[in-house]
Amino acid sequence: MLLKIKAILGQGKPHYDGDILIIHTTEKPEKGMANRDIIRQVAALYHVSSGDVHIKSGLKSRKKVLEITGEDLDTQNKRRQ
């Protein structure tokens, strides 16, 4: 499953704005710390392991595309609704 993400620095709960998941992180965007936090949050949100979440594009951008593997797509889509 591919997921569009927009990362925002600061505190807040993950939420959707249309088809884009807004993720807040308090980690600095240095040495991949913010990306690791985003992956951790998405994994927790979708109840998968952090190893099942990969950044497909946007490694150094606020807008990212993540791929979630390790669980069937229907179950993940039901969680989003």
Foldseek 3Di string as FASTA:
>chain_A
DKAKEAEDEDDDDWDDDDRYIYHYDPDDLPPCPRVLVVLVNVCVLQVHDSVQKDWPDDSPHRITMIGGDDDDPVSSVVSND
